[in-house]
């Protein structure tokens, strides 16, 4: 019986996780390159330095926001990979598409930092996040459909992973809409609050964690 190459390609979850860790590490490091110390020739006093640092604060916020974004998606992807018994060629390529979107996050971040007042820049940034969420959701649906998850995985965990992605993306979309009705600063503030919530994951009395 002839075995197709596509049947044996891309089965290692460990190699996929290793590649993911590397790309996330590089992307998260590249974010900081958009932060530059104030030019020495423009600083002649303490007041000048503080003014320069205040002028730098929007880029610092963008850096923090995108670092949180990538951190949240790294946790999300690793959660999925931890529940896989194996991978396959199709799932590996979906994760590669996800990692491509991770790799362009420094660009969308730099664009927003440079044009923070423009709705188009905010929407490009949100589109980056939306596509990250869509590919992560697709990867989980495909893993479930192809029977790649561990056989003893409870149904409530399968549903919780889907619910987490949908809820997060809904909140991000709401944040993006704020720039249409208000301005980009409201959008950025809302997105940062959403990210802090997911990063801290506070326990709400009487409510199960999702």
C-alpha atoms as a PDB file:
ATOM      1  CA  UNK A   1       0.000   0.000   0.000  1.00  0.00           C
ATOM      2  CA  UNK A   2       1.418   3.380  -1.049  1.00  0.00           C
ATOM      3  CA  UNK A   3       1.701   6.042   1.648  1.00  0.00           C
ATOM      4  CA  UNK A   4       1.122   9.642   0.614  1.00  0.00           C
ATOM      5  CA  UNK A   5       3.676  12.201   1.770  1.00  0.00           C
ATOM      6  CA  UNK A   6       0.860  14.439   2.998  1.00  0.00           C
ATOM      7  CA  UNK A   7      -0.211  11.700   5.391  1.00  0.00           C
ATOM      8  CA  UNK A   8       3.105  11.743   7.253  1.00  0.00           C
ATOM      9  CA  UNK A   9       4.102  15.428   6.996  1.00  0.00           C
ATOM     10  CA  UNK A  10       3.913  17.916   9.843  1.00  0.00           C
ATOM     11  CA  UNK A  11       2.969  15.508  12.627  1.00  0.00           C
ATOM     12  CA  UNK A  12       5.319  16.752  15.353  1.00  0.00           C
ATOM     13  CA  UNK A  13       3.607  18.983  17.900  1.00  0.00           C
ATOM     14  CA  UNK A  14       6.934  19.510  19.663  1.00  0.00           C
ATOM     15  CA  UNK A  15       8.617  20.959  16.561  1.00  0.00           C
ATOM     16  CA  UNK A  16       5.623  23.203  15.928  1.00  0.00           C
ATOM     17  CA  UNK A  17       5.783  24.464  19.514  1.00  0.00           C
ATOM     18  CA  UNK A  18       9.528  25.115  19.200  1.00  0.00           C
ATOM     19  CA  UNK A  19       9.066  27.130  16.006  1.00  0.00           C
ATOM     20  CA  UNK A  20       6.227  29.068  17.604  1.00  0.00           C
ATOM     21  CA  UNK A  21       8.315  29.954  20.651  1.00  0.00           C
ATOM     22  CA  UNK A  22      11.109  31.248  18.436  1.00  0.00           C
ATOM     23  CA  UNK A  23       8.879  33.423  16.279  1.00  0.00           C
ATOM     24  CA  UNK A  24       7.020  34.835  19.274  1.00  0.00           C
ATOM     25  CA  UNK A  25      10.331  35.624  20.969  1.00  0.00           C
ATOM     26  CA  UNK A  26      11.651  37.474  17.911  1.00  0.00           C
ATOM     27  CA  UNK A  27       8.401  39.380  17.317  1.00  0.00           C
ATOM     28  CA  UNK A  28       8.150  40.443  20.965  1.00  0.00           C
ATOM     29  CA  UNK A  29      11.769  41.597  20.904  1.00  0.00           C
ATOM     30  CA  UNK A  30      11.325  43.568  17.674  1.00  0.00           C
ATOM     31  CA  UNK A  31       8.555  45.585  19.308  1.00  0.00           C
ATOM     32  CA  UNK A  32      11.029  47.379  21.554  1.00  0.00           C
ATOM     33  CA  UNK A  33      13.109  48.570  18.595  1.00  0.00           C
ATOM     34  CA  UNK A  34      10.465  51.236  17.958  1.00  0.00           C
ATOM     35  CA  UNK A  35      11.376  52.805  21.319  1.00  0.00           C
ATOM     36  CA  UNK A  36      14.313  55.151  20.947  1.00  0.00           C
ATOM     37  CA  UNK A  37      15.949  57.272  23.631  1.00  0.00           C
ATOM     38  CA  UNK A  38      15.554  61.041  23.176  1.00  0.00           C
ATOM     39  CA  UNK A  39      18.252  62.666  21.040  1.00  0.00           C
ATOM     40  CA  UNK A  40      21.005  64.107  23.235  1.00  0.00           C
ATOM     41  CA  UNK A  41      21.232  67.321  21.207  1.00  0.00           C
ATOM     42  CA  UNK A  42      17.579  68.082  21.968  1.00  0.00           C
ATOM     43  CA  UNK A  43      17.963  67.711  25.746  1.00  0.00           C
ATOM     44  CA  UNK A  44      19.644  70.504  27.711  1.00  0.00           C
ATOM     45  CA  UNK A  45      17.855  70.293  31.054  1.00  0.00           C
ATOM     46  CA  UNK A  46      15.729  68.058  33.255  1.00  0.00           C
ATOM     47  CA  UNK A  47      12.626  69.745  31.846  1.00  0.00           C
ATOM     48  CA  UNK A  48      13.694  68.964  28.280  1.00  0.00           C
ATOM     49  CA  UNK A  49      14.240  65.334  29.191  1.00  0.00           C
ATOM     50  CA  UNK A  50      10.831  65.012  30.844  1.00  0.00           C
ATOM     51  CA  UNK A  51       9.173  66.625  27.822  1.00  0.00           C
ATOM     52  CA  UNK A  52      10.947  64.173  25.536  1.00  0.00           C
ATOM     53  CA  UNK A  53       9.844  61.244  27.681  1.00  0.00           C
ATOM     54  CA  UNK A  54       6.240  62.471  27.683  1.00  0.00           C
ATOM     55  CA  UNK A  55       6.402  62.714  23.884  1.00  0.00           C
ATOM     56  CA  UNK A  56       7.647  59.114  23.835  1.00  0.00           C
ATOM     57  CA  UNK A  57       4.791  57.832  26.007  1.00  0.00           C
ATOM     58  CA  UNK A  58       2.409  56.952  23.101  1.00  0.00           C
ATOM     59  CA  UNK A  59       5.017  54.596  21.653  1.00  0.00           C
ATOM     60  CA  UNK A  60       5.542  53.081  25.092  1.00  0.00           C
ATOM     61  CA  UNK A  61       1.798  52.408  25.341  1.00  0.00           C
ATOM     62  CA  UNK A  62       1.839  50.790  21.885  1.00  0.00           C
ATOM     63  CA  UNK A  63       4.763  48.610  22.955  1.00  0.00           C
ATOM     64  CA  UNK A  64       2.994  47.490  26.117  1.00  0.00           C
ATOM     65  CA  UNK A  65      -0.262  46.861  24.256  1.00  0.00           C
ATOM     66  CA  UNK A  66       1.353  44.725  21.578  1.00  0.00           C
ATOM     67  CA  UNK A  67       3.538  42.852  24.061  1.00  0.00           C
ATOM     68  CA  UNK A  68       0.363  41.928  25.929  1.00  0.00           C
ATOM     69  CA  UNK A  69      -1.325  41.006  22.640  1.00  0.00           C
ATOM     70  CA  UNK A  70       1.426  38.593  21.679  1.00  0.00           C
ATOM     71  CA  UNK A  71       1.635  37.239  25.211  1.00  0.00           C
ATOM     72  CA  UNK A  72      -2.088  36.453  25.225  1.00  0.00           C
ATOM     73  CA  UNK A  73      -1.918  34.755  21.832  1.00  0.00           C
ATOM     74  CA  UNK A  74       1.187  32.801  22.849  1.00  0.00           C
ATOM     75  CA  UNK A  75      -0.686  31.448  25.872  1.00  0.00           C
ATOM     76  CA  UNK A  76      -3.671  30.655  23.644  1.00  0.00           C
ATOM     77  CA  UNK A  77      -1.631  28.752  21.089  1.00  0.00           C
ATOM     78  CA  UNK A  78       0.359  26.862  23.709  1.00  0.00           C
ATOM     79  CA  UNK A  79      -2.891  25.850  25.397  1.00  0.00           C
ATOM     80  CA  UNK A  80      -4.061  24.306  22.147  1.00  0.00           C
ATOM     81  CA  UNK A  81      -0.760  22.580  21.441  1.00  0.00           C
ATOM     82  CA  UNK A  82      -0.695  21.106  24.952  1.00  0.00           C
ATOM     83  CA  UNK A  83      -3.975  19.330  24.228  1.00  0.00           C
ATOM     84  CA  UNK A  84      -2.910  17.838  20.887  1.00  0.00           C
ATOM     85  CA  UNK A  85      -1.957  14.192  20.611  1.00  0.00           C
ATOM     86  CA  UNK A  86      -0.341  14.892  17.239  1.00  0.00           C
ATOM     87  CA  UNK A  87      -0.493  17.310  14.339  1.00  0.00           C
ATOM     88  CA  UNK A  88      -0.871  16.869  10.594  1.00  0.00           C
ATOM     89  CA  UNK A  89       0.107  18.749   7.465  1.00  0.00           C
ATOM     90  CA  UNK A  90      -3.052  20.887   7.282  1.00  0.00           C
ATOM     91  CA  UNK A  91      -2.956  21.881  10.944  1.00  0.00           C
ATOM     92  CA  UNK A  92       0.747  22.716  10.722  1.00  0.00           C
ATOM     93  CA  UNK A  93       0.098  25.099   7.828  1.00  0.00           C
ATOM     94  CA  UNK A  94      -2.734  26.776   9.722  1.00  0.00           C
ATOM     95  CA  UNK A  95      -0.328  27.381  12.591  1.00  0.00           C
ATOM     96  CA  UNK A  96       2.266  28.679  10.135  1.00  0.00           C
ATOM     97  CA  UNK A  97      -0.338  31.181   8.887  1.00  0.00           C
ATOM     98  CA  UNK A  98      -0.931  32.135  12.527  1.00  0.00           C
ATOM     99  CA  UNK A  99       2.817  32.658  13.015  1.00  0.00           C
ATOM    100  CA  UNK A 100       2.977  34.805   9.867  1.00  0.00           C
ATOM    101  CA  UNK A 101       0.422  37.101  11.478  1.00  0.00           C
ATOM    102  CA  UNK A 102       2.509  37.112  14.659  1.00  0.00           C
ATOM    103  CA  UNK A 103       5.555  38.177  12.643  1.00  0.00           C
ATOM    104  CA  UNK A 104       3.812  41.229  11.142  1.00  0.00           C
ATOM    105  CA  UNK A 105       2.556  42.493  14.510  1.00  0.00           C
ATOM    106  CA  UNK A 106       5.646  44.726  14.967  1.00  0.00           C
ATOM    107  CA  UNK A 107       4.732  46.445  11.677  1.00  0.00           C
ATOM    108  CA  UNK A 108       1.095  47.088  12.607  1.00  0.00           C
ATOM    109  CA  UNK A 109       2.298  48.309  16.010  1.00  0.00           C
ATOM    110  CA  UNK A 110       4.804  50.734  14.467  1.00  0.00           C
ATOM    111  CA  UNK A 111       2.131  51.977  12.060  1.00  0.00           C
ATOM    112  CA  UNK A 112      -0.268  52.712  14.909  1.00  0.00           C
ATOM    113  CA  UNK A 113       2.454  54.344  17.009  1.00  0.00           C
ATOM    114  CA  UNK A 114       3.387  56.646  14.117  1.00  0.00           C
ATOM    115  CA  UNK A 115      -0.203  57.528  13.174  1.00  0.00           C
ATOM    116  CA  UNK A 116      -2.002  57.094  16.477  1.00  0.00           C
ATOM    117  CA  UNK A 117      -4.691  59.647  15.630  1.00  0.00           C
ATOM    118  CA  UNK A 118      -5.702  58.000  12.370  1.00  0.00           C
ATOM    119  CA  UNK A 119      -8.548  55.490  12.351  1.00  0.00           C
ATOM    120  CA  UNK A 120      -7.016  53.607   9.428  1.00  0.00           C
ATOM    121  CA  UNK A 121      -3.910  52.803  11.469  1.00  0.00           C
ATOM    122  CA  UNK A 122      -6.037  51.555  14.367  1.00  0.00           C
ATOM    123  CA  UNK A 123      -8.148  49.426  12.038  1.00  0.00           C
ATOM    124  CA  UNK A 124      -5.046  47.870  10.463  1.00  0.00           C
ATOM    125  CA  UNK A 125      -3.842  46.995  13.961  1.00  0.00           C
ATOM    126  CA  UNK A 126      -7.227  45.525  14.852  1.00  0.00           C
ATOM    127  CA  UNK A 127      -7.301  43.550  11.584  1.00  0.00           C
ATOM    128  CA  UNK A 128      -3.977  42.003  12.586  1.00  0.00           C
ATOM    129  CA  UNK A 129      -5.521  40.935  15.907  1.00  0.00           C
ATOM    130  CA  UNK A 130      -8.732  39.723  14.238  1.00  0.00           C
ATOM    131  CA  UNK A 131      -6.813  37.504  11.819  1.00  0.00           C
ATOM    132  CA  UNK A 132      -4.728  36.112  14.671  1.00  0.00           C
ATOM    133  CA  UNK A 133      -7.922  35.160  16.478  1.00  0.00           C
ATOM    134  CA  UNK A 134      -9.516  33.711  13.340  1.00  0.00           C
ATOM    135  CA  UNK A 135      -6.563  31.448  12.535  1.00  0.00           C
ATOM    136  CA  UNK A 136      -6.269  30.325  16.152  1.00  0.00           C
ATOM    137  CA  UNK A 137      -9.972  29.445  16.195  1.00  0.00           C
ATOM    138  CA  UNK A 138      -9.671  27.658  12.851  1.00  0.00           C
ATOM    139  CA  UNK A 139      -6.732  25.634  14.108  1.00  0.00           C
ATOM    140  CA  UNK A 140      -8.727  24.367  17.079  1.00  0.00           C
ATOM    141  CA  UNK A 141     -11.801  23.530  14.997  1.00  0.00           C
ATOM    142  CA  UNK A 142      -9.630  21.632  12.500  1.00  0.00           C
ATOM    143  CA  UNK A 143      -7.800  19.793  15.284  1.00  0.00           C
ATOM    144  CA  UNK A 144     -11.115  18.664  16.765  1.00  0.00           C
ATOM    145  CA  UNK A 145     -12.530  17.689  13.378  1.00  0.00           C
ATOM    146  CA  UNK A 146      -9.445  15.666  12.422  1.00  0.00           C
ATOM    147  CA  UNK A 147      -9.286  13.877  15.765  1.00  0.00           C
ATOM    148  CA  UNK A 148      -5.856  15.283  16.626  1.00  0.00           C
ATOM    149  CA  UNK A 149      -6.625  16.161  20.240  1.00  0.00           C
ATOM    150  CA  UNK A 150      -5.866  13.835  23.124  1.00  0.00           C
ATOM    151  CA  UNK A 151      -8.599  11.188  23.440  1.00  0.00           C
ATOM    152  CA  UNK A 152      -9.261  11.924  27.117  1.00  0.00           C
ATOM    153  CA  UNK A 153      -9.821  15.669  26.570  1.00  0.00           C
ATOM    154  CA  UNK A 154     -13.086  16.662  28.312  1.00  0.00           C
ATOM    155  CA  UNK A 155     -15.781  18.283  26.193  1.00  0.00           C
ATOM    156  CA  UNK A 156     -15.901  21.303  28.514  1.00  0.00           C
ATOM    157  CA  UNK A 157     -12.256  22.107  27.764  1.00  0.00           C
ATOM    158  CA  UNK A 158     -12.922  21.886  24.039  1.00  0.00           C
ATOM    159  CA  UNK A 159     -15.785  24.365  24.420  1.00  0.00           C
ATOM    160  CA  UNK A 160     -13.847  26.631  26.796  1.00  0.00           C
ATOM    161  CA  UNK A 161     -11.054  27.167  24.251  1.00  0.00           C
ATOM    162  CA  UNK A 162     -13.560  28.154  21.569  1.00  0.00           C
ATOM    163  CA  UNK A 163     -15.441  30.416  23.962  1.00  0.00           C
ATOM    164  CA  UNK A 164     -12.260  32.167  25.079  1.00  0.00           C
ATOM    165  CA  UNK A 165     -11.305  33.081  21.504  1.00  0.00           C
ATOM    166  CA  UNK A 166     -14.790  34.255  20.528  1.00  0.00           C
ATOM    167  CA  UNK A 167     -15.182  36.389  23.651  1.00  0.00           C
ATOM    168  CA  UNK A 168     -11.762  37.970  23.240  1.00  0.00           C
ATOM    169  CA  UNK A 169     -12.286  38.774  19.582  1.00  0.00           C
ATOM    170  CA  UNK A 170     -15.714  40.257  20.318  1.00  0.00           C
ATOM    171  CA  UNK A 171     -14.183  42.621  22.866  1.00  0.00           C
ATOM    172  CA  UNK A 172     -11.391  43.591  20.464  1.00  0.00           C
ATOM    173  CA  UNK A 173     -13.982  44.340  17.786  1.00  0.00           C
ATOM    174  CA  UNK A 174     -15.909  46.512  20.237  1.00  0.00           C
ATOM    175  CA  UNK A 175     -12.700  48.377  20.985  1.00  0.00           C
ATOM    176  CA  UNK A 176     -12.072  48.945  17.288  1.00  0.00           C
ATOM    177  CA  UNK A 177     -15.610  50.297  16.840  1.00  0.00           C
ATOM    178  CA  UNK A 178     -14.956  52.962  19.447  1.00  0.00           C
ATOM    179  CA  UNK A 179     -12.606  54.721  17.039  1.00  0.00           C
ATOM    180  CA  UNK A 180     -15.478  55.084  14.576  1.00  0.00           C
ATOM    181  CA  UNK A 181     -17.879  56.634  17.071  1.00  0.00           C
ATOM    182  CA  UNK A 182     -15.327  58.393  19.311  1.00  0.00           C
ATOM    183  CA  UNK A 183     -11.588  58.395  18.533  1.00  0.00           C
ATOM    184  CA  UNK A 184      -8.564  56.123  18.468  1.00  0.00           C
ATOM    185  CA  UNK A 185      -7.541  56.964  22.026  1.00  0.00           C
ATOM    186  CA  UNK A 186     -10.758  55.467  23.371  1.00  0.00           C
ATOM    187  CA  UNK A 187     -10.119  52.343  21.285  1.00  0.00           C
ATOM    188  CA  UNK A 188      -6.564  51.975  22.546  1.00  0.00           C
ATOM    189  CA  UNK A 189      -7.626  52.501  26.159  1.00  0.00           C
ATOM    190  CA  UNK A 190     -10.385  49.889  25.867  1.00  0.00           C
ATOM    191  CA  UNK A 191      -8.101  47.342  24.178  1.00  0.00           C
ATOM    192  CA  UNK A 192      -5.467  47.800  26.899  1.00  0.00           C
ATOM    193  CA  UNK A 193      -8.110  47.200  29.583  1.00  0.00           C
ATOM    194  CA  UNK A 194      -9.270  44.032  27.812  1.00  0.00           C
ATOM    195  CA  UNK A 195      -5.693  42.787  27.600  1.00  0.00           C
ATOM    196  CA  UNK A 196      -4.995  43.535  31.246  1.00  0.00           C
ATOM    197  CA  UNK A 197      -8.139  41.636  32.182  1.00  0.00           C
ATOM    198  CA  UNK A 198      -7.062  38.567  30.220  1.00  0.00           C
ATOM    199  CA  UNK A 199      -3.478  38.805  31.481  1.00  0.00           C
ATOM    200  CA  UNK A 200      -4.463  39.146  35.148  1.00  0.00           C
ATOM    201  CA  UNK A 201      -7.553  36.880  34.839  1.00  0.00           C
ATOM    202  CA  UNK A 202      -9.291  38.076  38.017  1.00  0.00           C
ATOM    203  CA  UNK A 203     -11.650  35.636  39.665  1.00  0.00           C
ATOM    204  CA  UNK A 204     -15.219  36.941  39.758  1.00  0.00           C
ATOM    205  CA  UNK A 205     -17.229  35.496  42.702  1.00  0.00           C
ATOM    206  CA  UNK A 206     -19.963  33.137  41.567  1.00  0.00           C
ATOM    207  CA  UNK A 207     -18.615  32.856  38.031  1.00  0.00           C
ATOM    208  CA  UNK A 208     -16.608  30.031  36.509  1.00  0.00           C
ATOM    209  CA  UNK A 209     -13.428  30.926  34.663  1.00  0.00           C
ATOM    210  CA  UNK A 210     -13.499  30.602  30.868  1.00  0.00           C
END
